[in-house]
C-alpha atoms as a PDB file:
ATOM      1  CA  UNK A   1     112.157 154.030 199.221  1.00  0.00           C
ATOM      2  CA  UNK A   2     109.504 153.716 196.541  1.00  0.00           C
ATOM      3  CA  UNK A   3     111.825 151.740 194.277  1.00  0.00           C
ATOM      4  CA  UNK A   4     112.448 148.881 196.723  1.00  0.00           C
ATOM      5  CA  UNK A   5     111.142 145.609 195.304  1.00  0.00           C
ATOM      6  CA  UNK A   6     111.301 146.557 191.611  1.00  0.00           C
ATOM      7  CA  UNK A   7     112.207 143.381 189.710  1.00  0.00           C
ATOM      8  CA  UNK A   8     112.656 142.218 186.149  1.00  0.00           C
ATOM      9  CA  UNK A   9     109.800 140.177 184.735  1.00  0.00           C
ATOM     10  CA  UNK A  10     111.008 136.786 183.437  1.00  0.00           C
ATOM     11  CA  UNK A  11     110.149 136.039 179.837  1.00  0.00           C
ATOM     12  CA  UNK A  12     109.247 138.294 176.931  1.00  0.00           C
ATOM     13  CA  UNK A  13     107.465 140.967 178.989  1.00  0.00           C
ATOM     14  CA  UNK A  14     109.388 143.763 180.710  1.00  0.00           C
ATOM     15  CA  UNK A  15     108.708 145.659 183.887  1.00  0.00           C
ATOM     16  CA  UNK A  16     107.448 149.072 182.704  1.00  0.00           C
ATOM     17  CA  UNK A  17     109.129 150.779 185.667  1.00  0.00           C
ATOM     18  CA  UNK A  18     112.570 149.546 184.589  1.00  0.00           C
ATOM     19  CA  UNK A  19     111.939 150.728 181.036  1.00  0.00           C
ATOM     20  CA  UNK A  20     110.850 154.069 182.509  1.00  0.00           C
ATOM     21  CA  UNK A  21     114.219 154.409 184.285  1.00  0.00           C
ATOM     22  CA  UNK A  22     115.967 154.162 180.915  1.00  0.00           C
ATOM     23  CA  UNK A  23     113.520 156.427 179.140  1.00  0.00           C
ATOM     24  CA  UNK A  24     113.565 159.202 181.754  1.00  0.00           C
ATOM     25  CA  UNK A  25     117.346 159.232 182.037  1.00  0.00           C
ATOM     26  CA  UNK A  26     117.858 159.230 178.257  1.00  0.00           C
ATOM     27  CA  UNK A  27     119.411 155.804 177.788  1.00  0.00           C
ATOM     28  CA  UNK A  28     118.821 154.861 174.153  1.00  0.00           C
ATOM     29  CA  UNK A  29     117.808 151.443 172.800  1.00  0.00           C
ATOM     30  CA  UNK A  30     117.056 149.861 176.173  1.00  0.00           C
ATOM     31  CA  UNK A  31     113.853 147.921 175.579  1.00  0.00           C
ATOM     32  CA  UNK A  32     113.996 144.788 177.723  1.00  0.00           C
ATOM     33  CA  UNK A  33     114.594 144.123 181.400  1.00  0.00           C
ATOM     34  CA  UNK A  34     116.203 140.844 180.350  1.00  0.00           C
ATOM     35  CA  UNK A  35     119.350 142.938 179.998  1.00  0.00           C
ATOM     36  CA  UNK A  36     121.152 143.871 183.206  1.00  0.00           C
ATOM     37  CA  UNK A  37     119.525 147.018 184.535  1.00  0.00           C
ATOM     38  CA  UNK A  38     121.703 147.945 187.535  1.00  0.00           C
ATOM     39  CA  UNK A  39     123.426 150.757 185.615  1.00  0.00           C
ATOM     40  CA  UNK A  40     120.107 151.895 184.161  1.00  0.00           C
ATOM     41  CA  UNK A  41     118.757 152.313 187.684  1.00  0.00           C
ATOM     42  CA  UNK A  42     121.847 154.126 188.999  1.00  0.00           C
ATOM     43  CA  UNK A  43     121.846 156.376 185.935  1.00  0.00           C
ATOM     44  CA  UNK A  44     118.193 157.220 186.670  1.00  0.00           C
ATOM     45  CA  UNK A  45     119.005 157.961 190.335  1.00  0.00           C
ATOM     46  CA  UNK A  46     121.854 160.261 189.247  1.00  0.00           C
ATOM     47  CA  UNK A  47     119.518 161.938 186.760  1.00  0.00           C
ATOM     48  CA  UNK A  48     116.946 162.578 189.495  1.00  0.00           C
ATOM     49  CA  UNK A  49     119.702 163.964 191.751  1.00  0.00           C
ATOM     50  CA  UNK A  50     120.943 166.179 188.881  1.00  0.00           C
ATOM     51  CA  UNK A  51     124.362 164.520 189.001  1.00  0.00           C
ATOM     52  CA  UNK A  52     126.686 163.543 186.184  1.00  0.00           C
ATOM     53  CA  UNK A  53     125.895 160.136 184.710  1.00  0.00           C
ATOM     54  CA  UNK A  54     127.051 157.785 181.960  1.00  0.00           C
ATOM     55  CA  UNK A  55     123.841 157.541 179.886  1.00  0.00           C
ATOM     56  CA  UNK A  56     124.732 153.900 179.174  1.00  0.00           C
ATOM     57  CA  UNK A  57     123.134 150.638 180.284  1.00  0.00           C
ATOM     58  CA  UNK A  58     126.457 148.864 180.939  1.00  0.00           C
ATOM     59  CA  UNK A  59     127.633 148.857 184.563  1.00  0.00           C
ATOM     60  CA  UNK A  60     131.257 149.055 183.429  1.00  0.00           C
ATOM     61  CA  UNK A  61     130.484 152.411 181.810  1.00  0.00           C
ATOM     62  CA  UNK A  62     130.740 153.909 185.305  1.00  0.00           C
ATOM     63  CA  UNK A  63     134.415 152.870 185.425  1.00  0.00           C
ATOM     64  CA  UNK A  64     135.298 154.670 182.195  1.00  0.00           C
ATOM     65  CA  UNK A  65     134.470 158.097 183.572  1.00  0.00           C
ATOM     66  CA  UNK A  66     135.523 157.443 187.147  1.00  0.00           C
ATOM     67  CA  UNK A  67     137.617 160.619 187.458  1.00  0.00           C
ATOM     68  CA  UNK A  68     134.889 163.042 186.419  1.00  0.00           C
ATOM     69  CA  UNK A  69     132.172 161.061 188.161  1.00  0.00           C
ATOM     70  CA  UNK A  70     134.207 160.842 191.361  1.00  0.00           C
ATOM     71  CA  UNK A  71     134.766 164.585 191.315  1.00  0.00           C
ATOM     72  CA  UNK A  72     131.043 165.132 190.786  1.00  0.00           C
ATOM     73  CA  UNK A  73     129.952 162.634 193.404  1.00  0.00           C
ATOM     74  CA  UNK A  74     132.415 163.794 196.041  1.00  0.00           C
ATOM     75  CA  UNK A  75     131.096 167.350 195.962  1.00  0.00           C
ATOM     76  CA  UNK A  76     128.079 166.015 197.848  1.00  0.00           C
ATOM     77  CA  UNK A  77     129.255 163.721 200.637  1.00  0.00           C
ATOM     78  CA  UNK A  78     125.789 162.171 200.984  1.00  0.00           C
ATOM     79  CA  UNK A  79     125.922 160.588 197.501  1.00  0.00           C
ATOM     80  CA  UNK A  80     128.231 157.667 196.731  1.00  0.00           C
ATOM     81  CA  UNK A  81     128.389 155.036 194.035  1.00  0.00           C
ATOM     82  CA  UNK A  82     130.419 151.884 194.550  1.00  0.00           C
ATOM     83  CA  UNK A  83     131.610 149.882 191.542  1.00  0.00           C
ATOM     84  CA  UNK A  84     132.765 146.319 192.096  1.00  0.00           C
ATOM     85  CA  UNK A  85     134.471 144.299 189.424  1.00  0.00           C
ATOM     86  CA  UNK A  86     132.743 140.954 188.884  1.00  0.00           C
ATOM     87  CA  UNK A  87     135.506 138.355 188.930  1.00  0.00           C
ATOM     88  CA  UNK A  88     133.201 135.354 188.702  1.00  0.00           C
ATOM     89  CA  UNK A  89     132.664 135.559 184.941  1.00  0.00           C
END
């Protein structure tokens, strides 16, 4: 639970831990936590778990590969990723 409480830093600075998620998991051109980082974090978690991932910072990227990701995720019943469409935009 070491990642609980990680937050973006408002303004021009970025939380180095969030940038580390992107760097370690191989997401290119992610250099500010002002951008949504939910997918970056989940991609990093999947990387650490040696699971298939999207390598993209956009949350909707998880929907594009849902078949292969679902197959990968379901092989280990302890690991699940839920994707919810944001209808408030």
